[in-house]
Amino acid sequence: MTEKELAEKLKREGFSHTYVWQDGPGAFYPGHTHPTKTAHIILSGEMTLTMNGSTETYRAGTRCNVPAGTVHSAKMGPQGCRYLIGER
């Protein structure tokens, strides 16, 4: 799917705000929350997400969802990460 098709799919799922974000190699976001549910579709690179005591690495073509109010942290891979975000 193209980025546009992925964004349209998220909108059909109720994610009213979508945008593409990019982080450099090794970028790190310490534990934080979001007021809304978020979906992250990895377009290139990788992101390692830690949430609810579990750590998983997501690569191009994969998706992770973060429920509203859930504490999570994220670390980008050695090539950074470019991803589509949906917020609802």
PDB file of N, CA and C in Angstrom:
ATOM      1  N   MET A   1       0.836  -1.193   0.000  1.00  0.00           N
ATOM      2  CA  MET A   1       0.000   0.000   0.000  1.00  0.00           C
ATOM      3  C   MET A   1       0.880   1.256   0.000  1.00  0.00           C
ATOM      4  N   THR A   2       0.395   2.302  -0.612  1.00  0.00           N
ATOM      5  CA  THR A   2       1.104   3.578  -0.593  1.00  0.00           C
ATOM      6  C   THR A   2       0.832   4.279   0.735  1.00  0.00           C
ATOM      7  N   GLU A   3       1.614   5.325   1.013  1.00  0.00           N
ATOM      8  CA  GLU A   3       1.388   6.102   2.236  1.00  0.00           C
ATOM      9  C   GLU A   3      -0.028   6.673   2.259  1.00  0.00           C
ATOM     10  N   LYS A   4      -0.486   7.160   1.120  1.00  0.00           N
ATOM     11  CA  LYS A   4      -1.831   7.721   1.035  1.00  0.00           C
ATOM     12  C   LYS A   4      -2.883   6.664   1.344  1.00  0.00           C
ATOM     13  N   GLU A   5      -2.717   5.460   0.794  1.00  0.00           N
ATOM     14  CA  GLU A   5      -3.673   4.376   1.056  1.00  0.00           C
ATOM     15  C   GLU A   5      -3.648   3.971   2.526  1.00  0.00           C
ATOM     16  N   LEU A   6      -2.452   3.928   3.125  1.00  0.00           N
ATOM     17  CA  LEU A   6      -2.357   3.588   4.548  1.00  0.00           C
ATOM     18  C   LEU A   6      -3.051   4.646   5.403  1.00  0.00           C
ATOM     19  N   ALA A   7      -2.856   5.930   5.063  1.00  0.00           N
ATOM     20  CA  ALA A   7      -3.515   7.013   5.804  1.00  0.00           C
ATOM     21  C   ALA A   7      -5.033   6.916   5.661  1.00  0.00           C
ATOM     22  N   GLU A   8      -5.506   6.607   4.466  1.00  0.00           N
ATOM     23  CA  GLU A   8      -6.947   6.461   4.249  1.00  0.00           C
ATOM     24  C   GLU A   8      -7.503   5.293   5.056  1.00  0.00           C
ATOM     25  N   LYS A   9      -6.745   4.203   5.140  1.00  0.00           N
ATOM     26  CA  LYS A   9      -7.166   3.042   5.934  1.00  0.00           C
ATOM     27  C   LYS A   9      -7.293   3.435   7.410  1.00  0.00           C
ATOM     28  N   LEU A  10      -6.308   4.173   7.918  1.00  0.00           N
ATOM     29  CA  LEU A  10      -6.391   4.616   9.312  1.00  0.00           C
ATOM     30  C   LEU A  10      -7.609   5.503   9.528  1.00  0.00           C
ATOM     31  N   LYS A  11      -7.873   6.391   8.592  1.00  0.00           N
ATOM     32  CA  LYS A  11      -9.050   7.265   8.723  1.00  0.00           C
ATOM     33  C   LYS A  11     -10.344   6.460   8.748  1.00  0.00           C
ATOM     34  N   ARG A  12     -10.417   5.412   7.929  1.00  0.00           N
ATOM     35  CA  ARG A  12     -11.607   4.545   7.943  1.00  0.00           C
ATOM     36  C   ARG A  12     -11.754   3.838   9.290  1.00  0.00           C
ATOM     37  N   GLU A  13     -10.639   3.618   9.974  1.00  0.00           N
ATOM     38  CA  GLU A  13     -10.664   2.976  11.298  1.00  0.00           C
ATOM     39  C   GLU A  13     -10.989   3.968  12.411  1.00  0.00           C
ATOM     40  N   GLY A  14     -11.159   5.241  12.062  1.00  0.00           N
ATOM     41  CA  GLY A  14     -11.519   6.245  13.059  1.00  0.00           C
ATOM     42  C   GLY A  14     -10.381   7.124  13.539  1.00  0.00           C
ATOM     43  N   PHE A  15      -9.200   6.988  12.932  1.00  0.00           N
ATOM     44  CA  PHE A  15      -8.075   7.861  13.284  1.00  0.00           C
ATOM     45  C   PHE A  15      -8.235   9.152  12.489  1.00  0.00           C
ATOM     46  N   SER A  16      -8.742  10.190  13.150  1.00  0.00           N
ATOM     47  CA  SER A  16      -9.100  11.422  12.439  1.00  0.00           C
ATOM     48  C   SER A  16      -7.896  12.255  12.025  1.00  0.00           C
ATOM     49  N   HIS A  17      -6.765  12.089  12.702  1.00  0.00           N
ATOM     50  CA  HIS A  17      -5.566  12.869  12.390  1.00  0.00           C
ATOM     51  C   HIS A  17      -4.429  11.903  12.032  1.00  0.00           C
ATOM     52  N   THR A  18      -3.878  12.037  10.828  1.00  0.00           N
ATOM     53  CA  THR A  18      -2.742  11.204  10.419  1.00  0.00           C
ATOM     54  C   THR A  18      -1.627  12.097   9.886  1.00  0.00           C
ATOM     55  N   TYR A  19      -0.398  11.675  10.099  1.00  0.00           N
ATOM     56  CA  TYR A  19       0.761  12.419   9.598  1.00  0.00           C
ATOM     57  C   TYR A  19       1.987  11.509   9.600  1.00  0.00           C
ATOM     58  N   VAL A  20       2.987  11.881   8.805  1.00  0.00           N
ATOM     59  CA  VAL A  20       4.236  11.127   8.740  1.00  0.00           C
ATOM     60  C   VAL A  20       5.268  11.832   9.614  1.00  0.00           C
ATOM     61  N   TRP A  21       6.012  11.039  10.388  1.00  0.00           N
ATOM     62  CA  TRP A  21       7.051  11.551  11.266  1.00  0.00           C
ATOM     63  C   TRP A  21       8.338  10.803  10.983  1.00  0.00           C
ATOM     64  N   GLN A  22       9.465  11.454  11.207  1.00  0.00           N
ATOM     65  CA  GLN A  22      10.751  10.796  10.990  1.00  0.00           C
ATOM     66  C   GLN A  22      11.701  11.159  12.125  1.00  0.00           C
ATOM     67  N   ASP A  23      12.394  10.142  12.642  1.00  0.00           N
ATOM     68  CA  ASP A  23      13.393  10.339  13.686  1.00  0.00           C
ATOM     69  C   ASP A  23      14.733   9.824  13.186  1.00  0.00           C
ATOM     70  N   GLY A  24      15.797  10.438  13.654  1.00  0.00           N
ATOM     71  CA  GLY A  24      17.139  10.045  13.272  1.00  0.00           C
ATOM     72  C   GLY A  24      17.601   8.789  13.995  1.00  0.00           C
ATOM     73  N   PRO A  25      18.759   8.289  13.605  1.00  0.00           N
ATOM     74  CA  PRO A  25      19.325   7.085  14.221  1.00  0.00           C
ATOM     75  C   PRO A  25      19.443   7.213  15.735  1.00  0.00           C
ATOM     76  N   GLY A  26      18.953   6.191  16.429  1.00  0.00           N
ATOM     77  CA  GLY A  26      19.082   6.131  17.879  1.00  0.00           C
ATOM     78  C   GLY A  26      18.224   7.106  18.670  1.00  0.00           C
ATOM     79  N   ALA A  27      17.352   7.850  18.008  1.00  0.00           N
ATOM     80  CA  ALA A  27      16.478   8.779  18.743  1.00  0.00           C
ATOM     81  C   ALA A  27      15.713   7.996  19.813  1.00  0.00           C
ATOM     82  N   PHE A  28      15.502   8.629  20.951  1.00  0.00           N
ATOM     83  CA  PHE A  28      14.863   7.950  22.080  1.00  0.00           C
ATOM     84  C   PHE A  28      13.814   8.846  22.715  1.00  0.00           C
ATOM     85  N   TYR A  29      12.648   8.253  22.968  1.00  0.00           N
ATOM     86  CA  TYR A  29      11.578   8.933  23.691  1.00  0.00           C
ATOM     87  C   TYR A  29      11.376   8.170  24.998  1.00  0.00           C
ATOM     88  N   PRO A  30      11.723   8.767  26.143  1.00  0.00           N
ATOM     89  CA  PRO A  30      11.521   8.071  27.418  1.00  0.00           C
ATOM     90  C   PRO A  30      10.030   7.893  27.705  1.00  0.00           C
ATOM     91  N   GLY A  31       9.738   7.132  28.755  1.00  0.00           N
ATOM     92  CA  GLY A  31       8.360   6.829  29.106  1.00  0.00           C
ATOM     93  C   GLY A  31       7.450   8.049  29.072  1.00  0.00           C
ATOM     94  N   HIS A  32       6.345   7.927  28.347  1.00  0.00           N
ATOM     95  CA  HIS A  32       5.380   9.019  28.222  1.00  0.00           C
ATOM     96  C   HIS A  32       4.032   8.417  27.838  1.00  0.00           C
ATOM     97  N   THR A  33       3.001   9.246  27.818  1.00  0.00           N
ATOM     98  CA  THR A  33       1.660   8.808  27.416  1.00  0.00           C
ATOM     99  C   THR A  33       1.116   9.756  26.359  1.00  0.00           C
ATOM    100  N   HIS A  34       0.033   9.324  25.710  1.00  0.00           N
ATOM    101  CA  HIS A  34      -0.713  10.171  24.782  1.00  0.00           C
ATOM    102  C   HIS A  34      -2.168  10.180  25.252  1.00  0.00           C
ATOM    103  N   PRO A  35      -2.875  11.290  25.078  1.00  0.00           N
ATOM    104  CA  PRO A  35      -4.265  11.348  25.526  1.00  0.00           C
ATOM    105  C   PRO A  35      -5.219  10.550  24.634  1.00  0.00           C
ATOM    106  N   THR A  36      -4.749  10.166  23.440  1.00  0.00           N
ATOM    107  CA  THR A  36      -5.594   9.408  22.518  1.00  0.00           C
ATOM    108  C   THR A  36      -4.881   8.121  22.102  1.00  0.00           C
ATOM    109  N   LYS A  37      -5.640   7.187  21.554  1.00  0.00           N
ATOM    110  CA  LYS A  37      -5.034   5.980  20.989  1.00  0.00           C
ATOM    111  C   LYS A  37      -4.223   6.388  19.765  1.00  0.00           C
ATOM    112  N   THR A  38      -3.048   5.794  19.603  1.00  0.00           N
ATOM    113  CA  THR A  38      -2.226   6.074  18.432  1.00  0.00           C
ATOM    114  C   THR A  38      -1.868   4.783  17.708  1.00  0.00           C
ATOM    115  N   ALA A  39      -1.768   4.881  16.404  1.00  0.00           N
ATOM    116  CA  ALA A  39      -1.295   3.779  15.563  1.00  0.00           C
ATOM    117  C   ALA A  39      -0.025   4.267  14.881  1.00  0.00           C
ATOM    118  N   HIS A  40       0.964   3.403  14.796  1.00  0.00           N
ATOM    119  CA  HIS A  40       2.234   3.732  14.142  1.00  0.00           C
ATOM    120  C   HIS A  40       2.491   2.668  13.076  1.00  0.00           C
ATOM    121  N   ILE A  41       2.549   3.078  11.822  1.00  0.00           N
ATOM    122  CA  ILE A  41       2.879   2.152  10.735  1.00  0.00           C
ATOM    123  C   ILE A  41       4.280   2.516  10.263  1.00  0.00           C
ATOM    124  N   ILE A  42       5.196   1.568  10.382  1.00  0.00           N
ATOM    125  CA  ILE A  42       6.594   1.824  10.051  1.00  0.00           C
ATOM    126  C   ILE A  42       6.754   1.808   8.535  1.00  0.00           C
ATOM    127  N   LEU A  43       7.281   2.911   8.005  1.00  0.00           N
ATOM    128  CA  LEU A  43       7.484   3.044   6.560  1.00  0.00           C
ATOM    129  C   LEU A  43       8.906   2.669   6.161  1.00  0.00           C
ATOM    130  N   SER A  44       9.881   3.002   7.014  1.00  0.00           N
ATOM    131  CA  SER A  44      11.270   2.602   6.785  1.00  0.00           C
ATOM    132  C   SER A  44      12.013   2.652   8.110  1.00  0.00           C
ATOM    133  N   GLY A  45      13.097   1.900   8.200  1.00  0.00           N
ATOM    134  CA  GLY A  45      13.859   1.835   9.438  1.00  0.00           C
ATOM    135  C   GLY A  45      13.178   0.945  10.454  1.00  0.00           C
ATOM    136  N   GLU A  46      13.440   1.221  11.726  1.00  0.00           N
ATOM    137  CA  GLU A  46      12.821   0.418  12.783  1.00  0.00           C
ATOM    138  C   GLU A  46      12.663   1.215  14.067  1.00  0.00           C
ATOM    139  N   MET A  47      11.701   0.758  14.876  1.00  0.00           N
ATOM    140  CA  MET A  47      11.384   1.362  16.167  1.00  0.00           C
ATOM    141  C   MET A  47      11.225   0.230  17.174  1.00  0.00           C
ATOM    142  N   THR A  48      11.879   0.368  18.317  1.00  0.00           N
ATOM    143  CA  THR A  48      11.698  -0.592  19.402  1.00  0.00           C
ATOM    144  C   THR A  48      10.841   0.088  20.455  1.00  0.00           C
ATOM    145  N   LEU A  49       9.693  -0.509  20.714  1.00  0.00           N
ATOM    146  CA  LEU A  49       8.697   0.059  21.616  1.00  0.00           C
ATOM    147  C   LEU A  49       8.610  -0.796  22.875  1.00  0.00           C
ATOM    148  N   THR A  50       8.646  -0.138  24.027  1.00  0.00           N
ATOM    149  CA  THR A  50       8.463  -0.832  25.300  1.00  0.00           C
ATOM    150  C   THR A  50       7.180  -0.313  25.936  1.00  0.00           C
ATOM    151  N   MET A  51       6.293  -1.272  26.271  1.00  0.00           N
ATOM    152  CA  MET A  51       4.999  -0.913  26.852  1.00  0.00           C
ATOM    153  C   MET A  51       4.464  -2.119  27.605  1.00  0.00           C
ATOM    154  N   ASN A  52       3.873  -1.868  28.757  1.00  0.00           N
ATOM    155  CA  ASN A  52       3.286  -2.929  29.579  1.00  0.00           C
ATOM    156  C   ASN A  52       4.286  -4.044  29.887  1.00  0.00           C
ATOM    157  N   GLY A  53       5.552  -3.670  30.136  1.00  0.00           N
ATOM    158  CA  GLY A  53       6.565  -4.643  30.511  1.00  0.00           C
ATOM    159  C   GLY A  53       7.095  -5.489  29.368  1.00  0.00           C
ATOM    160  N   SER A  54       6.723  -5.161  28.143  1.00  0.00           N
ATOM    161  CA  SER A  54       7.145  -5.933  26.979  1.00  0.00           C
ATOM    162  C   SER A  54       7.848  -5.015  25.982  1.00  0.00           C
ATOM    163  N   THR A  55       8.883  -5.547  25.325  1.00  0.00           N
ATOM    164  CA  THR A  55       9.624  -4.788  24.326  1.00  0.00           C
ATOM    165  C   THR A  55       9.552  -5.516  22.994  1.00  0.00           C
ATOM    166  N   GLU A  56       9.224  -4.775  21.942  1.00  0.00           N
ATOM    167  CA  GLU A  56       9.123  -5.365  20.605  1.00  0.00           C
ATOM    168  C   GLU A  56       9.680  -4.386  19.577  1.00  0.00           C
ATOM    169  N   THR A  57      10.374  -4.926  18.581  1.00  0.00           N
ATOM    170  CA  THR A  57      10.918  -4.100  17.505  1.00  0.00           C
ATOM    171  C   THR A  57      10.019  -4.215  16.284  1.00  0.00           C
ATOM    172  N   TYR A  58       9.659  -3.062  15.737  1.00  0.00           N
ATOM    173  CA  TYR A  58       8.797  -2.978  14.557  1.00  0.00           C
ATOM    174  C   TYR A  58       9.632  -2.473  13.387  1.00  0.00           C
ATOM    175  N   ARG A  59       9.473  -3.119  12.239  1.00  0.00           N
ATOM    176  CA  ARG A  59      10.229  -2.753  11.038  1.00  0.00           C
ATOM    177  C   ARG A  59       9.259  -2.378   9.921  1.00  0.00           C
ATOM    178  N   ALA A  60       9.812  -1.903   8.807  1.00  0.00           N
ATOM    179  CA  ALA A  60       8.993  -1.467   7.670  1.00  0.00           C
ATOM    180  C   ALA A  60       7.891  -2.474   7.359  1.00  0.00           C
ATOM    181  N   GLY A  61       6.672  -1.938   7.239  1.00  0.00           N
ATOM    182  CA  GLY A  61       5.514  -2.768   6.918  1.00  0.00           C
ATOM    183  C   GLY A  61       4.748  -3.261   8.126  1.00  0.00           C
ATOM    184  N   THR A  62       5.263  -3.009   9.339  1.00  0.00           N
ATOM    185  CA  THR A  62       4.550  -3.467  10.532  1.00  0.00           C
ATOM    186  C   THR A  62       3.869  -2.293  11.225  1.00  0.00           C
ATOM    187  N   ARG A  63       2.965  -2.635  12.124  1.00  0.00           N
ATOM    188  CA  ARG A  63       2.148  -1.629  12.810  1.00  0.00           C
ATOM    189  C   ARG A  63       2.101  -1.925  14.299  1.00  0.00           C
ATOM    190  N   CYS A  64       2.129  -0.861  15.085  1.00  0.00           N
ATOM    191  CA  CYS A  64       1.902  -1.006  16.515  1.00  0.00           C
ATOM    192  C   CYS A  64       0.859   0.014  16.949  1.00  0.00           C
ATOM    193  N   ASN A  65       0.031  -0.389  17.888  1.00  0.00           N
ATOM    194  CA  ASN A  65      -0.999   0.478  18.445  1.00  0.00           C
ATOM    195  C   ASN A  65      -0.658   0.747  19.904  1.00  0.00           C
ATOM    196  N   VAL A  66      -0.867   1.972  20.340  1.00  0.00           N
ATOM    197  CA  VAL A  66      -0.634   2.343  21.735  1.00  0.00           C
ATOM    198  C   VAL A  66      -1.948   2.895  22.285  1.00  0.00           C
ATOM    199  N   PRO A  67      -2.547   2.192  23.253  1.00  0.00           N
ATOM    200  CA  PRO A  67      -3.799   2.683  23.828  1.00  0.00           C
ATOM    201  C   PRO A  67      -3.615   4.027  24.539  1.00  0.00           C
ATOM    202  N   ALA A  68      -4.646   4.826  24.565  1.00  0.00           N
ATOM    203  CA  ALA A  68      -4.616   6.118  25.257  1.00  0.00           C
ATOM    204  C   ALA A  68      -4.187   5.920  26.705  1.00  0.00           C
ATOM    205  N   GLY A  69      -3.314   6.799  27.186  1.00  0.00           N
ATOM    206  CA  GLY A  69      -2.912   6.766  28.585  1.00  0.00           C
ATOM    207  C   GLY A  69      -1.904   5.698  28.953  1.00  0.00           C
ATOM    208  N   THR A  70      -1.427   4.917  28.011  1.00  0.00           N
ATOM    209  CA  THR A  70      -0.475   3.836  28.293  1.00  0.00           C
ATOM    210  C   THR A  70       0.957   4.370  28.284  1.00  0.00           C
ATOM    211  N   VAL A  71       1.686   4.148  29.365  1.00  0.00           N
ATOM    212  CA  VAL A  71       3.079   4.577  29.429  1.00  0.00           C
ATOM    213  C   VAL A  71       3.898   3.692  28.489  1.00  0.00           C
ATOM    214  N   HIS A  72       4.681   4.340  27.640  1.00  0.00           N
ATOM    215  CA  HIS A  72       5.531   3.609  26.692  1.00  0.00           C
ATOM    216  C   HIS A  72       6.761   4.440  26.372  1.00  0.00           C
ATOM    217  N   SER A  73       7.806   3.750  25.904  1.00  0.00           N
ATOM    218  CA  SER A  73       9.021   4.434  25.448  1.00  0.00           C
ATOM    219  C   SER A  73       9.367   3.868  24.079  1.00  0.00           C
ATOM    220  N   ALA A  74      10.148   4.629  23.311  1.00  0.00           N
ATOM    221  CA  ALA A  74      10.499   4.194  21.958  1.00  0.00           C
ATOM    222  C   ALA A  74      11.948   4.568  21.652  1.00  0.00           C
ATOM    223  N   LYS A  75      12.637   3.645  20.999  1.00  0.00           N
ATOM    224  CA  LYS A  75      14.008   3.898  20.545  1.00  0.00           C
ATOM    225  C   LYS A  75      14.072   3.523  19.068  1.00  0.00           C
ATOM    226  N   MET A  76      14.639   4.436  18.279  1.00  0.00           N
ATOM    227  CA  MET A  76      14.751   4.204  16.844  1.00  0.00           C
ATOM    228  C   MET A  76      16.020   3.402  16.532  1.00  0.00           C
ATOM    229  N   GLY A  77      15.975   2.690  15.429  1.00  0.00           N
ATOM    230  CA  GLY A  77      17.082   1.847  15.024  1.00  0.00           C
ATOM    231  C   GLY A  77      18.259   2.633  14.473  1.00  0.00           C
ATOM    232  N   PRO A  78      19.301   1.914  14.026  1.00  0.00           N
ATOM    233  CA  PRO A  78      20.538   2.553  13.556  1.00  0.00           C
ATOM    234  C   PRO A  78      20.369   3.382  12.280  1.00  0.00           C
ATOM    235  N   GLN A  79      19.304   3.158  11.523  1.00  0.00           N
ATOM    236  CA  GLN A  79      19.032   3.978  10.341  1.00  0.00           C
ATOM    237  C   GLN A  79      17.919   4.989  10.602  1.00  0.00           C
ATOM    238  N   GLY A  80      17.488   5.092  11.843  1.00  0.00           N
ATOM    239  CA  GLY A  80      16.366   5.961  12.167  1.00  0.00           C
ATOM    240  C   GLY A  80      15.057   5.271  11.839  1.00  0.00           C
ATOM    241  N   CYS A  81      13.997   6.044  11.797  1.00  0.00           N
ATOM    242  CA  CYS A  81      12.678   5.474  11.520  1.00  0.00           C
ATOM    243  C   CYS A  81      11.775   6.552  10.932  1.00  0.00           C
ATOM    244  N   ARG A  82      11.046   6.174   9.922  1.00  0.00           N
ATOM    245  CA  ARG A  82      10.027   7.031   9.305  1.00  0.00           C
ATOM    246  C   ARG A  82       8.719   6.280   9.434  1.00  0.00           C
ATOM    247  N   TYR A  83       7.690   6.951   9.975  1.00  0.00           N
ATOM    248  CA  TYR A  83       6.449   6.232  10.256  1.00  0.00           C
ATOM    249  C   TYR A  83       5.224   7.126  10.107  1.00  0.00           C
ATOM    250  N   LEU A  84       4.132   6.474   9.790  1.00  0.00           N
ATOM    251  CA  LEU A  84       2.826   7.117   9.686  1.00  0.00           C
ATOM    252  C   LEU A  84       2.132   6.977  11.028  1.00  0.00           C
ATOM    253  N   ILE A  85       1.654   8.082  11.552  1.00  0.00           N
ATOM    254  CA  ILE A  85       0.963   8.075  12.843  1.00  0.00           C
ATOM    255  C   ILE A  85      -0.512   8.407  12.621  1.00  0.00           C
ATOM    256  N   GLY A  86      -1.357   7.667  13.313  1.00  0.00           N
ATOM    257  CA  GLY A  86      -2.782   7.971  13.348  1.00  0.00           C
ATOM    258  C   GLY A  86      -3.180   8.232  14.773  1.00  0.00           C
ATOM    259  N   GLU A  87      -3.968   9.269  15.004  1.00  0.00           N
ATOM    260  CA  GLU A  87      -4.448   9.599  16.354  1.00  0.00           C
ATOM    261  C   GLU A  87      -5.968   9.618  16.349  1.00  0.00           C
ATOM    262  N   ARG A  88      -6.534   9.045  17.413  1.00  0.00           N
ATOM    263  CA  ARG A  88      -7.991   9.130  17.543  1.00  0.00           C
ATOM    264  C   ARG A  88      -8.382   9.549  18.924  1.00  0.00           C
TER     265      ARG A  88
END
